[in-house]
């Protein structure tokens, strides 16, 4: 598996007020997902305000992190259902509070969703409907991502969601589209916190419920208090700013965005203590949709002019440094 370069580096991502933005965004979270009301969706938008919205045997750990169905341009039963419902749009679960991934810039008129994950979601909509705007964005908390897919509230989730063996029992994933890892985020002034190590002993740590960070801390927490969990990662930043917790454990890519929002915090430790890939999550058994998304990702990786690299340079280079390129895809058939 490729070692990602630059995930631990931080650079300024520009002029976002830490507490004001964090509190405003947290207050705007859509915590309850609406009933889809059958095949139609009257809450569809075009980038404006978010609409109120028997498993196979588990693979070995080394084989399930980035292996998916081989790409195909063919339609199938899942895609047919999406295309033939009343509202001809793709319904995608996203984040609206992760800076540079899926967020609303308060300094821009209209407050449209934008970011790296949003770009990818639009690429998938264009592949299926021939229109990048044929999409409904639904904001979902970290701990409701799988439920939203299984219940049919969304067609897929494009929301910094890590592929792992446990989740593969519940949903299907595309190949990985971004490599990251878990890291500690804490105030710069806290010199007593040096990373994911014994310096966390006795410290109060915040994580998002249902996240990889929460899972990792349950395995090994160095005697830290890990009782503080929240629906979304940004809520941890607010807790940190208010002094309610000593540190946050989250994806280094997301932590870089949080540090950009608040220059008084920083990533601790030289590099992430895990290696993970974000994938697009879809309902179990929707093989045709998985294959189609993997085709989009193949094309997206190869398109150096308008694809993955362009989106990285626009949204992430300022915080994570020069692009290492997307992770190489691995297919199981």
C-alpha atoms as a PDB file:
ATOM      1  CA  UNK A   1       0.000   0.000   0.000  1.00  0.00           C
ATOM      2  CA  UNK A   2       1.341   3.409  -0.910  1.00  0.00           C
ATOM      3  CA  UNK A   3       2.634   5.616   1.891  1.00  0.00           C
ATOM      4  CA  UNK A   4       0.982   8.976   1.639  1.00  0.00           C
ATOM      5  CA  UNK A   5       3.303  11.954   1.661  1.00  0.00           C
ATOM      6  CA  UNK A   6       2.379  15.230   3.246  1.00  0.00           C
ATOM      7  CA  UNK A   7      -0.644  14.295   5.331  1.00  0.00           C
ATOM      8  CA  UNK A   8       1.011  15.593   8.466  1.00  0.00           C
ATOM      9  CA  UNK A   9       1.998  18.968   7.022  1.00  0.00           C
ATOM     10  CA  UNK A  10      -0.125  22.018   7.577  1.00  0.00           C
ATOM     11  CA  UNK A  11      -0.266  25.235   5.658  1.00  0.00           C
ATOM     12  CA  UNK A  12      -2.712  28.093   5.933  1.00  0.00           C
ATOM     13  CA  UNK A  13      -5.975  27.545   4.079  1.00  0.00           C
ATOM     14  CA  UNK A  14      -6.975  31.110   4.497  1.00  0.00           C
ATOM     15  CA  UNK A  15      -9.110  33.486   6.485  1.00  0.00           C
ATOM     16  CA  UNK A  16     -11.856  31.476   8.193  1.00  0.00           C
ATOM     17  CA  UNK A  17     -12.736  32.634  11.722  1.00  0.00           C
ATOM     18  CA  UNK A  18     -12.336  29.641  13.994  1.00  0.00           C
ATOM     19  CA  UNK A  19     -15.012  29.851  16.631  1.00  0.00           C
ATOM     20  CA  UNK A  20     -17.540  31.809  14.616  1.00  0.00           C
ATOM     21  CA  UNK A  21     -17.447  29.460  11.653  1.00  0.00           C
ATOM     22  CA  UNK A  22     -17.284  26.301  13.752  1.00  0.00           C
ATOM     23  CA  UNK A  23     -20.302  27.264  15.835  1.00  0.00           C
ATOM     24  CA  UNK A  24     -22.263  28.490  12.829  1.00  0.00           C
ATOM     25  CA  UNK A  25     -21.612  25.313  10.888  1.00  0.00           C
ATOM     26  CA  UNK A  26     -22.335  23.037  13.813  1.00  0.00           C
ATOM     27  CA  UNK A  27     -25.631  24.801  14.347  1.00  0.00           C
ATOM     28  CA  UNK A  28     -26.580  24.131  10.734  1.00  0.00           C
ATOM     29  CA  UNK A  29     -26.164  20.346  10.889  1.00  0.00           C
ATOM     30  CA  UNK A  30     -29.020  18.245   9.563  1.00  0.00           C
ATOM     31  CA  UNK A  31     -29.158  15.479  12.147  1.00  0.00           C
ATOM     32  CA  UNK A  32     -32.354  13.740  11.023  1.00  0.00           C
ATOM     33  CA  UNK A  33     -32.704  12.202   7.601  1.00  0.00           C
ATOM     34  CA  UNK A  34     -36.079  12.576   5.924  1.00  0.00           C
ATOM     35  CA  UNK A  35     -38.125   9.812   4.381  1.00  0.00           C
ATOM     36  CA  UNK A  36     -37.448   9.614   0.662  1.00  0.00           C
ATOM     37  CA  UNK A  37     -41.128   9.243  -0.017  1.00  0.00           C
ATOM     38  CA  UNK A  38     -40.775   6.478  -2.548  1.00  0.00           C
ATOM     39  CA  UNK A  39     -38.885   6.994  -5.779  1.00  0.00           C
ATOM     40  CA  UNK A  40     -39.404  10.733  -5.977  1.00  0.00           C
ATOM     41  CA  UNK A  41     -37.567  13.407  -4.052  1.00  0.00           C
ATOM     42  CA  UNK A  42     -39.212  16.768  -3.849  1.00  0.00           C
ATOM     43  CA  UNK A  43     -36.336  18.235  -1.834  1.00  0.00           C
ATOM     44  CA  UNK A  44     -33.791  18.080  -4.658  1.00  0.00           C
ATOM     45  CA  UNK A  45     -31.513  21.038  -5.175  1.00  0.00           C
ATOM     46  CA  UNK A  46     -28.715  22.071  -7.493  1.00  0.00           C
ATOM     47  CA  UNK A  47     -26.027  22.905  -5.018  1.00  0.00           C
ATOM     48  CA  UNK A  48     -28.144  25.300  -2.949  1.00  0.00           C
ATOM     49  CA  UNK A  49     -29.259  24.619   0.631  1.00  0.00           C
ATOM     50  CA  UNK A  50     -29.133  20.957   1.570  1.00  0.00           C
ATOM     51  CA  UNK A  51     -32.484  19.205   1.487  1.00  0.00           C
ATOM     52  CA  UNK A  52     -33.627  18.053   4.909  1.00  0.00           C
ATOM     53  CA  UNK A  53     -32.649  14.880   4.493  1.00  0.00           C
ATOM     54  CA  UNK A  54     -26.994 -11.925   4.360  1.00  0.00           C
ATOM     55  CA  UNK A  55     -23.475 -10.240   4.213  1.00  0.00           C
ATOM     56  CA  UNK A  56     -20.668 -12.235   2.511  1.00  0.00           C
ATOM     57  CA  UNK A  57     -17.822 -13.573   4.586  1.00  0.00           C
ATOM     58  CA  UNK A  58     -15.475 -10.844   5.756  1.00  0.00           C
ATOM     59  CA  UNK A  59     -12.242 -10.620   3.817  1.00  0.00           C
ATOM     60  CA  UNK A  60      -8.859 -10.728   5.459  1.00  0.00           C
ATOM     61  CA  UNK A  61      -7.712  -7.338   6.737  1.00  0.00           C
ATOM     62  CA  UNK A  62      -4.986  -7.018   4.106  1.00  0.00           C
ATOM     63  CA  UNK A  63      -7.451  -7.703   1.287  1.00  0.00           C
ATOM     64  CA  UNK A  64     -10.400  -5.483   2.083  1.00  0.00           C
ATOM     65  CA  UNK A  65      -9.059  -1.975   2.449  1.00  0.00           C
ATOM     66  CA  UNK A  66      -8.997  -1.021  -1.224  1.00  0.00           C
ATOM     67  CA  UNK A  67     -10.361  -3.912  -3.285  1.00  0.00           C
ATOM     68  CA  UNK A  68     -13.584  -3.466  -5.159  1.00  0.00           C
ATOM     69  CA  UNK A  69     -15.447  -4.644  -8.258  1.00  0.00           C
ATOM     70  CA  UNK A  70     -13.800  -3.947 -11.583  1.00  0.00           C
ATOM     71  CA  UNK A  71     -15.024  -0.867 -13.494  1.00  0.00           C
ATOM     72  CA  UNK A  72     -17.849  -1.095 -16.030  1.00  0.00           C
ATOM     73  CA  UNK A  73     -19.801   1.506 -18.056  1.00  0.00           C
ATOM     74  CA  UNK A  74     -22.922  -0.682 -18.174  1.00  0.00           C
ATOM     75  CA  UNK A  75     -26.217   0.120 -16.510  1.00  0.00           C
ATOM     76  CA  UNK A  76     -27.887  -2.438 -14.287  1.00  0.00           C
ATOM     77  CA  UNK A  77     -30.875  -2.753 -11.952  1.00  0.00           C
ATOM     78  CA  UNK A  78     -29.608  -0.228  -9.394  1.00  0.00           C
ATOM     79  CA  UNK A  79     -28.747   2.424 -11.957  1.00  0.00           C
ATOM     80  CA  UNK A  80     -32.007   1.758 -13.821  1.00  0.00           C
ATOM     81  CA  UNK A  81     -33.974   2.462 -10.649  1.00  0.00           C
ATOM     82  CA  UNK A  82     -32.077   5.688 -10.085  1.00  0.00           C
ATOM     83  CA  UNK A  83     -32.635   6.838 -13.657  1.00  0.00           C
ATOM     84  CA  UNK A  84     -36.306   5.900 -13.802  1.00  0.00           C
ATOM     85  CA  UNK A  85     -37.599   7.494 -10.613  1.00  0.00           C
ATOM     86  CA  UNK A  86     -39.644  10.667 -10.734  1.00  0.00           C
ATOM     87  CA  UNK A  87     -36.838  13.057  -9.871  1.00  0.00           C
ATOM     88  CA  UNK A  88     -33.961  12.438 -12.271  1.00  0.00           C
ATOM     89  CA  UNK A  89     -31.153  13.153  -9.848  1.00  0.00           C
ATOM     90  CA  UNK A  90     -28.525  11.274  -7.890  1.00  0.00           C
ATOM     91  CA  UNK A  91     -29.040  11.479  -4.119  1.00  0.00           C
ATOM     92  CA  UNK A  92     -25.708  11.716  -2.325  1.00  0.00           C
ATOM     93  CA  UNK A  93     -24.932  11.829   1.389  1.00  0.00           C
ATOM     94  CA  UNK A  94     -22.243  14.420   2.112  1.00  0.00           C
ATOM     95  CA  UNK A  95     -20.801  16.575   4.850  1.00  0.00           C
ATOM     96  CA  UNK A  96     -21.526  20.302   4.901  1.00  0.00           C
ATOM     97  CA  UNK A  97     -19.093  21.128   7.692  1.00  0.00           C
ATOM     98  CA  UNK A  98     -15.700  19.700   6.669  1.00  0.00           C
ATOM     99  CA  UNK A  99     -13.555  22.550   5.403  1.00  0.00           C
ATOM    100  CA  UNK A 100     -12.260  21.906   1.888  1.00  0.00           C
ATOM    101  CA  UNK A 101     -14.057  18.542   1.648  1.00  0.00           C
ATOM    102  CA  UNK A 102     -17.761  19.331   1.851  1.00  0.00           C
ATOM    103  CA  UNK A 103     -18.663  22.752   3.250  1.00  0.00           C
ATOM    104  CA  UNK A 104     -20.345  26.076   2.634  1.00  0.00           C
ATOM    105  CA  UNK A 105     -18.107  29.120   2.379  1.00  0.00           C
ATOM    106  CA  UNK A 106     -19.831  31.886   4.368  1.00  0.00           C
ATOM    107  CA  UNK A 107     -17.884  34.471   2.381  1.00  0.00           C
ATOM    108  CA  UNK A 108     -19.514  33.452  -0.914  1.00  0.00           C
ATOM    109  CA  UNK A 109     -22.980  34.455  -2.040  1.00  0.00           C
ATOM    110  CA  UNK A 110     -25.432  31.564  -2.265  1.00  0.00           C
ATOM    111  CA  UNK A 111     -23.622  29.310   0.189  1.00  0.00           C
ATOM    112  CA  UNK A 112     -23.334  26.428  -2.270  1.00  0.00           C
ATOM    113  CA  UNK A 113     -21.693  23.204  -1.159  1.00  0.00           C
ATOM    114  CA  UNK A 114     -18.142  22.836  -2.410  1.00  0.00           C
ATOM    115  CA  UNK A 115     -14.982  20.881  -1.754  1.00  0.00           C
ATOM    116  CA  UNK A 116     -13.052  17.803  -2.835  1.00  0.00           C
ATOM    117  CA  UNK A 117     -15.852  15.322  -2.060  1.00  0.00           C
ATOM    118  CA  UNK A 118     -18.423  17.565  -3.721  1.00  0.00           C
ATOM    119  CA  UNK A 119     -16.374  17.634  -6.936  1.00  0.00           C
ATOM    120  CA  UNK A 120     -16.289  13.830  -6.982  1.00  0.00           C
ATOM    121  CA  UNK A 121     -20.027  13.532  -6.324  1.00  0.00           C
ATOM    122  CA  UNK A 122     -20.716  15.800  -9.288  1.00  0.00           C
ATOM    123  CA  UNK A 123     -18.453  13.668 -11.495  1.00  0.00           C
ATOM    124  CA  UNK A 124     -20.564  10.622 -10.640  1.00  0.00           C
ATOM    125  CA  UNK A 125     -23.803  12.506 -11.362  1.00  0.00           C
ATOM    126  CA  UNK A 126     -22.452  13.562 -14.736  1.00  0.00           C
ATOM    127  CA  UNK A 127     -21.553   9.961 -15.592  1.00  0.00           C
ATOM    128  CA  UNK A 128     -25.037   8.665 -14.743  1.00  0.00           C
ATOM    129  CA  UNK A 129     -27.229  11.560 -15.907  1.00  0.00           C
ATOM    130  CA  UNK A 130     -24.948  13.539 -18.210  1.00  0.00           C
ATOM    131  CA  UNK A 131     -25.372  16.554 -15.931  1.00  0.00           C
ATOM    132  CA  UNK A 132     -23.155  17.600 -13.012  1.00  0.00           C
ATOM    133  CA  UNK A 133     -26.113  19.402 -11.466  1.00  0.00           C
ATOM    134  CA  UNK A 134     -28.392  16.352 -11.525  1.00  0.00           C
ATOM    135  CA  UNK A 135     -27.707  15.791  -7.859  1.00  0.00           C
ATOM    136  CA  UNK A 136     -29.367  16.127  -4.451  1.00  0.00           C
ATOM    137  CA  UNK A 137     -26.986  16.682  -1.547  1.00  0.00           C
ATOM    138  CA  UNK A 138     -28.108  15.414   1.840  1.00  0.00           C
ATOM    139  CA  UNK A 139     -26.071  16.335   4.892  1.00  0.00           C
ATOM    140  CA  UNK A 140     -25.620  13.354   7.182  1.00  0.00           C
ATOM    141  CA  UNK A 141     -23.703  12.987  10.463  1.00  0.00           C
ATOM    142  CA  UNK A 142     -20.760  10.624  10.730  1.00  0.00           C
ATOM    143  CA  UNK A 143     -22.717   8.114  12.805  1.00  0.00           C
ATOM    144  CA  UNK A 144     -25.635   7.933  10.329  1.00  0.00           C
ATOM    145  CA  UNK A 145     -23.738   7.259   7.112  1.00  0.00           C
ATOM    146  CA  UNK A 146     -24.346   3.513   6.970  1.00  0.00           C
ATOM    147  CA  UNK A 147     -27.944   3.832   8.128  1.00  0.00           C
ATOM    148  CA  UNK A 148     -28.644   6.383   5.395  1.00  0.00           C
ATOM    149  CA  UNK A 149     -27.387   3.961   2.746  1.00  0.00           C
ATOM    150  CA  UNK A 150     -29.131   0.877   4.097  1.00  0.00           C
ATOM    151  CA  UNK A 151     -32.479   2.648   4.468  1.00  0.00           C
ATOM    152  CA  UNK A 152     -32.360   4.048   0.932  1.00  0.00           C
ATOM    153  CA  UNK A 153     -32.238   7.666   2.092  1.00  0.00           C
ATOM    154  CA  UNK A 154     -29.281   8.170  -0.240  1.00  0.00           C
ATOM    155  CA  UNK A 155     -27.896   6.358  -3.269  1.00  0.00           C
ATOM    156  CA  UNK A 156     -24.347   6.673  -1.972  1.00  0.00           C
ATOM    157  CA  UNK A 157     -22.194   8.483   0.547  1.00  0.00           C
ATOM    158  CA  UNK A 158     -19.236  10.619  -0.555  1.00  0.00           C
ATOM    159  CA  UNK A 159     -18.100  11.891   2.810  1.00  0.00           C
ATOM    160  CA  UNK A 160     -14.496  11.162   3.819  1.00  0.00           C
ATOM    161  CA  UNK A 161     -15.618   7.622   4.683  1.00  0.00           C
ATOM    162  CA  UNK A 162     -12.852   5.121   5.326  1.00  0.00           C
ATOM    163  CA  UNK A 163     -13.028   1.656   3.796  1.00  0.00           C
ATOM    164  CA  UNK A 164     -12.529  -1.098   6.350  1.00  0.00           C
ATOM    165  CA  UNK A 165     -13.476  -4.736   6.832  1.00  0.00           C
ATOM    166  CA  UNK A 166     -16.170  -4.093   9.420  1.00  0.00           C
ATOM    167  CA  UNK A 167     -17.992  -1.593   7.220  1.00  0.00           C
ATOM    168  CA  UNK A 168     -17.759  -3.941   4.249  1.00  0.00           C
ATOM    169  CA  UNK A 169     -20.141  -6.222   6.112  1.00  0.00           C
ATOM    170  CA  UNK A 170     -22.765  -3.460   5.919  1.00  0.00           C
ATOM    171  CA  UNK A 171     -22.142  -1.540   2.678  1.00  0.00           C
ATOM    172  CA  UNK A 172     -20.221  -1.840  -0.561  1.00  0.00           C
ATOM    173  CA  UNK A 173     -17.357   0.497  -1.426  1.00  0.00           C
ATOM    174  CA  UNK A 174     -15.647   1.814  -4.495  1.00  0.00           C
ATOM    175  CA  UNK A 175     -11.884   1.614  -4.706  1.00  0.00           C
ATOM    176  CA  UNK A 176     -10.100   4.129  -2.515  1.00  0.00           C
ATOM    177  CA  UNK A 177      -9.940   7.678  -3.841  1.00  0.00           C
ATOM    178  CA  UNK A 178      -7.842   9.301  -1.104  1.00  0.00           C
ATOM    179  CA  UNK A 179      -5.221   8.073   1.347  1.00  0.00           C
ATOM    180  CA  UNK A 180      -5.113   9.415   4.888  1.00  0.00           C
ATOM    181  CA  UNK A 181      -4.680   8.232   8.486  1.00  0.00           C
ATOM    182  CA  UNK A 182      -5.590   8.999  12.079  1.00  0.00           C
ATOM    183  CA  UNK A 183      -3.759  11.712  13.970  1.00  0.00           C
ATOM    184  CA  UNK A 184      -4.034  13.771  17.154  1.00  0.00           C
ATOM    185  CA  UNK A 185      -5.165  17.416  16.983  1.00  0.00           C
ATOM    186  CA  UNK A 186      -4.536  19.638  20.014  1.00  0.00           C
ATOM    187  CA  UNK A 187      -3.802  23.267  20.913  1.00  0.00           C
ATOM    188  CA  UNK A 188      -0.318  24.433  19.945  1.00  0.00           C
ATOM    189  CA  UNK A 189       0.262  25.562  23.518  1.00  0.00           C
ATOM    190  CA  UNK A 190      -0.260  22.026  24.820  1.00  0.00           C
ATOM    191  CA  UNK A 191       3.352  20.928  24.611  1.00  0.00           C
ATOM    192  CA  UNK A 192       2.494  18.061  26.951  1.00  0.00           C
ATOM    193  CA  UNK A 193       0.596  16.360  24.098  1.00  0.00           C
ATOM    194  CA  UNK A 194       3.036  15.042  21.513  1.00  0.00           C
ATOM    195  CA  UNK A 195       1.008  12.554  19.472  1.00  0.00           C
ATOM    196  CA  UNK A 196      -0.702   9.182  19.689  1.00  0.00           C
ATOM    197  CA  UNK A 197       1.372   7.988  22.596  1.00  0.00           C
ATOM    198  CA  UNK A 198       1.615   7.942  26.378  1.00  0.00           C
ATOM    199  CA  UNK A 199       1.295  11.741  26.470  1.00  0.00           C
ATOM    200  CA  UNK A 200      -2.476  11.161  26.118  1.00  0.00           C
ATOM    201  CA  UNK A 201      -2.651   9.505  29.561  1.00  0.00           C
ATOM    202  CA  UNK A 202      -5.244  11.239  31.690  1.00  0.00           C
ATOM    203  CA  UNK A 203      -6.246  13.582  28.853  1.00  0.00           C
ATOM    204  CA  UNK A 204      -9.835  14.000  27.669  1.00  0.00           C
ATOM    205  CA  UNK A 205     -10.151  13.061  23.997  1.00  0.00           C
ATOM    206  CA  UNK A 206     -13.009  13.814  21.582  1.00  0.00           C
ATOM    207  CA  UNK A 207     -13.965  11.679  18.577  1.00  0.00           C
ATOM    208  CA  UNK A 208     -16.918  11.388  16.229  1.00  0.00           C
ATOM    209  CA  UNK A 209     -19.277   8.535  17.029  1.00  0.00           C
ATOM    210  CA  UNK A 210     -19.000   5.751  14.470  1.00  0.00           C
ATOM    211  CA  UNK A 211     -15.610   6.949  13.236  1.00  0.00           C
ATOM    212  CA  UNK A 212     -12.373   5.028  12.732  1.00  0.00           C
ATOM    213  CA  UNK A 213     -10.837   7.263  15.406  1.00  0.00           C
ATOM    214  CA  UNK A 214     -13.340   5.988  17.951  1.00  0.00           C
ATOM    215  CA  UNK A 215     -12.563   2.397  16.988  1.00  0.00           C
ATOM    216  CA  UNK A 216      -8.813   2.950  17.267  1.00  0.00           C
ATOM    217  CA  UNK A 217      -9.078   4.589  20.675  1.00  0.00           C
ATOM    218  CA  UNK A 218     -11.156   1.692  21.968  1.00  0.00           C
ATOM    219  CA  UNK A 219      -8.301  -0.600  20.982  1.00  0.00           C
ATOM    220  CA  UNK A 220      -5.546   1.534  22.498  1.00  0.00           C
ATOM    221  CA  UNK A 221      -5.954   4.876  24.257  1.00  0.00           C
ATOM    222  CA  UNK A 222      -2.913   5.106  26.564  1.00  0.00           C
ATOM    223  CA  UNK A 223      -5.133   5.729  29.574  1.00  0.00           C
ATOM    224  CA  UNK A 224      -6.962   8.678  28.056  1.00  0.00           C
ATOM    225  CA  UNK A 225     -10.591   9.543  28.817  1.00  0.00           C
ATOM    226  CA  UNK A 226     -12.400   8.687  25.555  1.00  0.00           C
ATOM    227  CA  UNK A 227     -15.951   9.169  26.792  1.00  0.00           C
ATOM    228  CA  UNK A 228     -16.590  12.299  24.705  1.00  0.00           C
ATOM    229  CA  UNK A 229     -18.147  11.409  21.356  1.00  0.00           C
ATOM    230  CA  UNK A 230     -20.100  13.690  19.019  1.00  0.00           C
ATOM    231  CA  UNK A 231     -22.158  13.272  15.829  1.00  0.00           C
ATOM    232  CA  UNK A 232     -19.668  15.152  13.615  1.00  0.00           C
ATOM    233  CA  UNK A 233     -15.953  15.864  13.681  1.00  0.00           C
ATOM    234  CA  UNK A 234     -16.428  19.633  13.666  1.00  0.00           C
ATOM    235  CA  UNK A 235     -18.235  19.347  16.994  1.00  0.00           C
ATOM    236  CA  UNK A 236     -14.940  18.096  18.431  1.00  0.00           C
ATOM    237  CA  UNK A 237     -13.202  21.262  17.296  1.00  0.00           C
ATOM    238  CA  UNK A 238     -15.821  23.314  19.138  1.00  0.00           C
ATOM    239  CA  UNK A 239     -15.322  21.210  22.291  1.00  0.00           C
ATOM    240  CA  UNK A 240     -11.569  21.753  21.970  1.00  0.00           C
ATOM    241  CA  UNK A 241     -11.990  25.509  21.556  1.00  0.00           C
ATOM    242  CA  UNK A 242     -14.234  25.660  24.601  1.00  0.00           C
ATOM    243  CA  UNK A 243     -11.668  23.786  26.676  1.00  0.00           C
ATOM    244  CA  UNK A 244     -14.026  20.875  27.297  1.00  0.00           C
ATOM    245  CA  UNK A 245     -11.509  18.362  25.884  1.00  0.00           C
ATOM    246  CA  UNK A 246      -7.718  18.301  25.650  1.00  0.00           C
ATOM    247  CA  UNK A 247      -7.354  16.831  22.160  1.00  0.00           C
ATOM    248  CA  UNK A 248      -9.156  15.375  19.161  1.00  0.00           C
ATOM    249  CA  UNK A 249      -8.376  12.219  17.218  1.00  0.00           C
ATOM    250  CA  UNK A 250      -9.524  12.274  13.600  1.00  0.00           C
ATOM    251  CA  UNK A 251      -8.339  11.760  10.011  1.00  0.00           C
ATOM    252  CA  UNK A 252      -5.248  13.857   9.352  1.00  0.00           C
ATOM    253  CA  UNK A 253      -6.854  15.270   6.209  1.00  0.00           C
ATOM    254  CA  UNK A 254      -9.896  16.460   8.172  1.00  0.00           C
ATOM    255  CA  UNK A 255      -7.687  17.683  11.008  1.00  0.00           C
ATOM    256  CA  UNK A 256      -5.748  19.823   8.541  1.00  0.00           C
ATOM    257  CA  UNK A 257      -9.002  21.541   7.623  1.00  0.00           C
ATOM    258  CA  UNK A 258      -9.847  22.099  11.280  1.00  0.00           C
ATOM    259  CA  UNK A 259      -6.396  23.543  11.940  1.00  0.00           C
ATOM    260  CA  UNK A 260      -6.930  25.878   8.990  1.00  0.00           C
ATOM    261  CA  UNK A 261     -10.136  27.089  10.624  1.00  0.00           C
ATOM    262  CA  UNK A 262      -8.357  27.631  13.919  1.00  0.00           C
ATOM    263  CA  UNK A 263      -4.621  28.481  13.737  1.00  0.00           C
ATOM    264  CA  UNK A 264      -4.257  27.934  17.503  1.00  0.00           C
ATOM    265  CA  UNK A 265      -4.413  24.149  17.028  1.00  0.00           C
ATOM    266  CA  UNK A 266      -2.082  21.763  15.242  1.00  0.00           C
ATOM    267  CA  UNK A 267      -1.497  18.123  14.371  1.00  0.00           C
ATOM    268  CA  UNK A 268       0.641  16.317  16.935  1.00  0.00           C
ATOM    269  CA  UNK A 269       3.136  13.647  15.949  1.00  0.00           C
ATOM    270  CA  UNK A 270       5.249  13.298  12.842  1.00  0.00           C
ATOM    271  CA  UNK A 271       2.688  11.335  10.822  1.00  0.00           C
ATOM    272  CA  UNK A 272      -0.648   9.491  11.070  1.00  0.00           C
ATOM    273  CA  UNK A 273      -0.638   6.299  13.134  1.00  0.00           C
ATOM    274  CA  UNK A 274      -2.866   4.443  10.646  1.00  0.00           C
ATOM    275  CA  UNK A 275      -3.095   4.222   6.864  1.00  0.00           C
ATOM    276  CA  UNK A 276      -6.600   4.387   5.394  1.00  0.00           C
ATOM    277  CA  UNK A 277      -8.440   5.062   2.171  1.00  0.00           C
ATOM    278  CA  UNK A 278     -11.631   7.019   1.670  1.00  0.00           C
ATOM    279  CA  UNK A 279     -14.140   5.263  -0.590  1.00  0.00           C
ATOM    280  CA  UNK A 280     -17.597   5.925  -2.005  1.00  0.00           C
ATOM    281  CA  UNK A 281     -20.073   3.823  -0.006  1.00  0.00           C
ATOM    282  CA  UNK A 282     -23.164   2.241  -1.587  1.00  0.00           C
ATOM    283  CA  UNK A 283     -25.874  -0.238  -0.653  1.00  0.00           C
ATOM    284  CA  UNK A 284     -24.868  -3.869  -0.327  1.00  0.00           C
ATOM    285  CA  UNK A 285     -25.426  -5.764  -3.567  1.00  0.00           C
ATOM    286  CA  UNK A 286     -25.598  -2.728  -5.873  1.00  0.00           C
ATOM    287  CA  UNK A 287     -22.859  -4.190  -8.043  1.00  0.00           C
ATOM    288  CA  UNK A 288     -23.686  -2.231 -11.191  1.00  0.00           C
ATOM    289  CA  UNK A 289     -23.497   1.079  -9.331  1.00  0.00           C
ATOM    290  CA  UNK A 290     -20.212   0.105  -7.651  1.00  0.00           C
ATOM    291  CA  UNK A 291     -18.699  -0.803 -11.016  1.00  0.00           C
ATOM    292  CA  UNK A 292     -19.938   2.434 -12.565  1.00  0.00           C
ATOM    293  CA  UNK A 293     -18.480   4.538  -9.755  1.00  0.00           C
ATOM    294  CA  UNK A 294     -15.179   2.703 -10.165  1.00  0.00           C
ATOM    295  CA  UNK A 295     -15.237   3.621 -13.853  1.00  0.00           C
ATOM    296  CA  UNK A 296     -15.717   7.258 -12.856  1.00  0.00           C
ATOM    297  CA  UNK A 297     -12.794   7.003 -10.439  1.00  0.00           C
ATOM    298  CA  UNK A 298     -10.564   5.402 -13.091  1.00  0.00           C
ATOM    299  CA  UNK A 299     -11.311   8.228 -15.510  1.00  0.00           C
ATOM    300  CA  UNK A 300     -10.999  10.823 -12.732  1.00  0.00           C
ATOM    301  CA  UNK A 301      -7.528   9.599 -11.765  1.00  0.00           C
ATOM    302  CA  UNK A 302      -6.302   9.617 -15.365  1.00  0.00           C
ATOM    303  CA  UNK A 303      -7.656  13.065 -16.273  1.00  0.00           C
ATOM    304  CA  UNK A 304      -4.719  15.234 -15.222  1.00  0.00           C
ATOM    305  CA  UNK A 305      -6.311  18.381 -16.653  1.00  0.00           C
ATOM    306  CA  UNK A 306      -9.796  18.321 -15.121  1.00  0.00           C
ATOM    307  CA  UNK A 307      -9.829  15.324 -12.789  1.00  0.00           C
ATOM    308  CA  UNK A 308      -8.445  14.233  -9.420  1.00  0.00           C
ATOM    309  CA  UNK A 309      -5.264  16.327  -9.555  1.00  0.00           C
ATOM    310  CA  UNK A 310      -7.127  19.513 -10.422  1.00  0.00           C
ATOM    311  CA  UNK A 311      -9.537  19.038  -7.527  1.00  0.00           C
ATOM    312  CA  UNK A 312      -6.673  18.246  -5.134  1.00  0.00           C
ATOM    313  CA  UNK A 313      -4.726  21.325  -6.176  1.00  0.00           C
ATOM    314  CA  UNK A 314      -7.789  23.539  -5.745  1.00  0.00           C
ATOM    315  CA  UNK A 315      -8.958  22.303  -2.369  1.00  0.00           C
ATOM    316  CA  UNK A 316      -6.183  20.444  -0.570  1.00  0.00           C
ATOM    317  CA  UNK A 317      -2.717  21.463  -1.737  1.00  0.00           C
ATOM    318  CA  UNK A 318      -2.650  24.562   0.466  1.00  0.00           C
ATOM    319  CA  UNK A 319      -3.036  22.449   3.594  1.00  0.00           C
ATOM    320  CA  UNK A 320      -1.534  19.087   2.692  1.00  0.00           C
ATOM    321  CA  UNK A 321       1.248  20.125   0.330  1.00  0.00           C
ATOM    322  CA  UNK A 322       2.031  18.907  -3.158  1.00  0.00           C
ATOM    323  CA  UNK A 323      -0.197  16.121  -4.399  1.00  0.00           C
ATOM    324  CA  UNK A 324       1.119  12.564  -3.975  1.00  0.00           C
ATOM    325  CA  UNK A 325      -1.485  11.421  -6.495  1.00  0.00           C
ATOM    326  CA  UNK A 326      -4.497   9.233  -5.842  1.00  0.00           C
ATOM    327  CA  UNK A 327      -4.060   5.736  -4.388  1.00  0.00           C
ATOM    328  CA  UNK A 328      -3.732   2.982  -6.966  1.00  0.00           C
ATOM    329  CA  UNK A 329      -6.952   1.000  -7.418  1.00  0.00           C
ATOM    330  CA  UNK A 330      -7.126  -2.700  -6.606  1.00  0.00           C
ATOM    331  CA  UNK A 331      -9.902  -4.912  -7.948  1.00  0.00           C
ATOM    332  CA  UNK A 332     -11.069  -8.298  -6.787  1.00  0.00           C
ATOM    333  CA  UNK A 333     -12.604  -9.324 -10.137  1.00  0.00           C
END
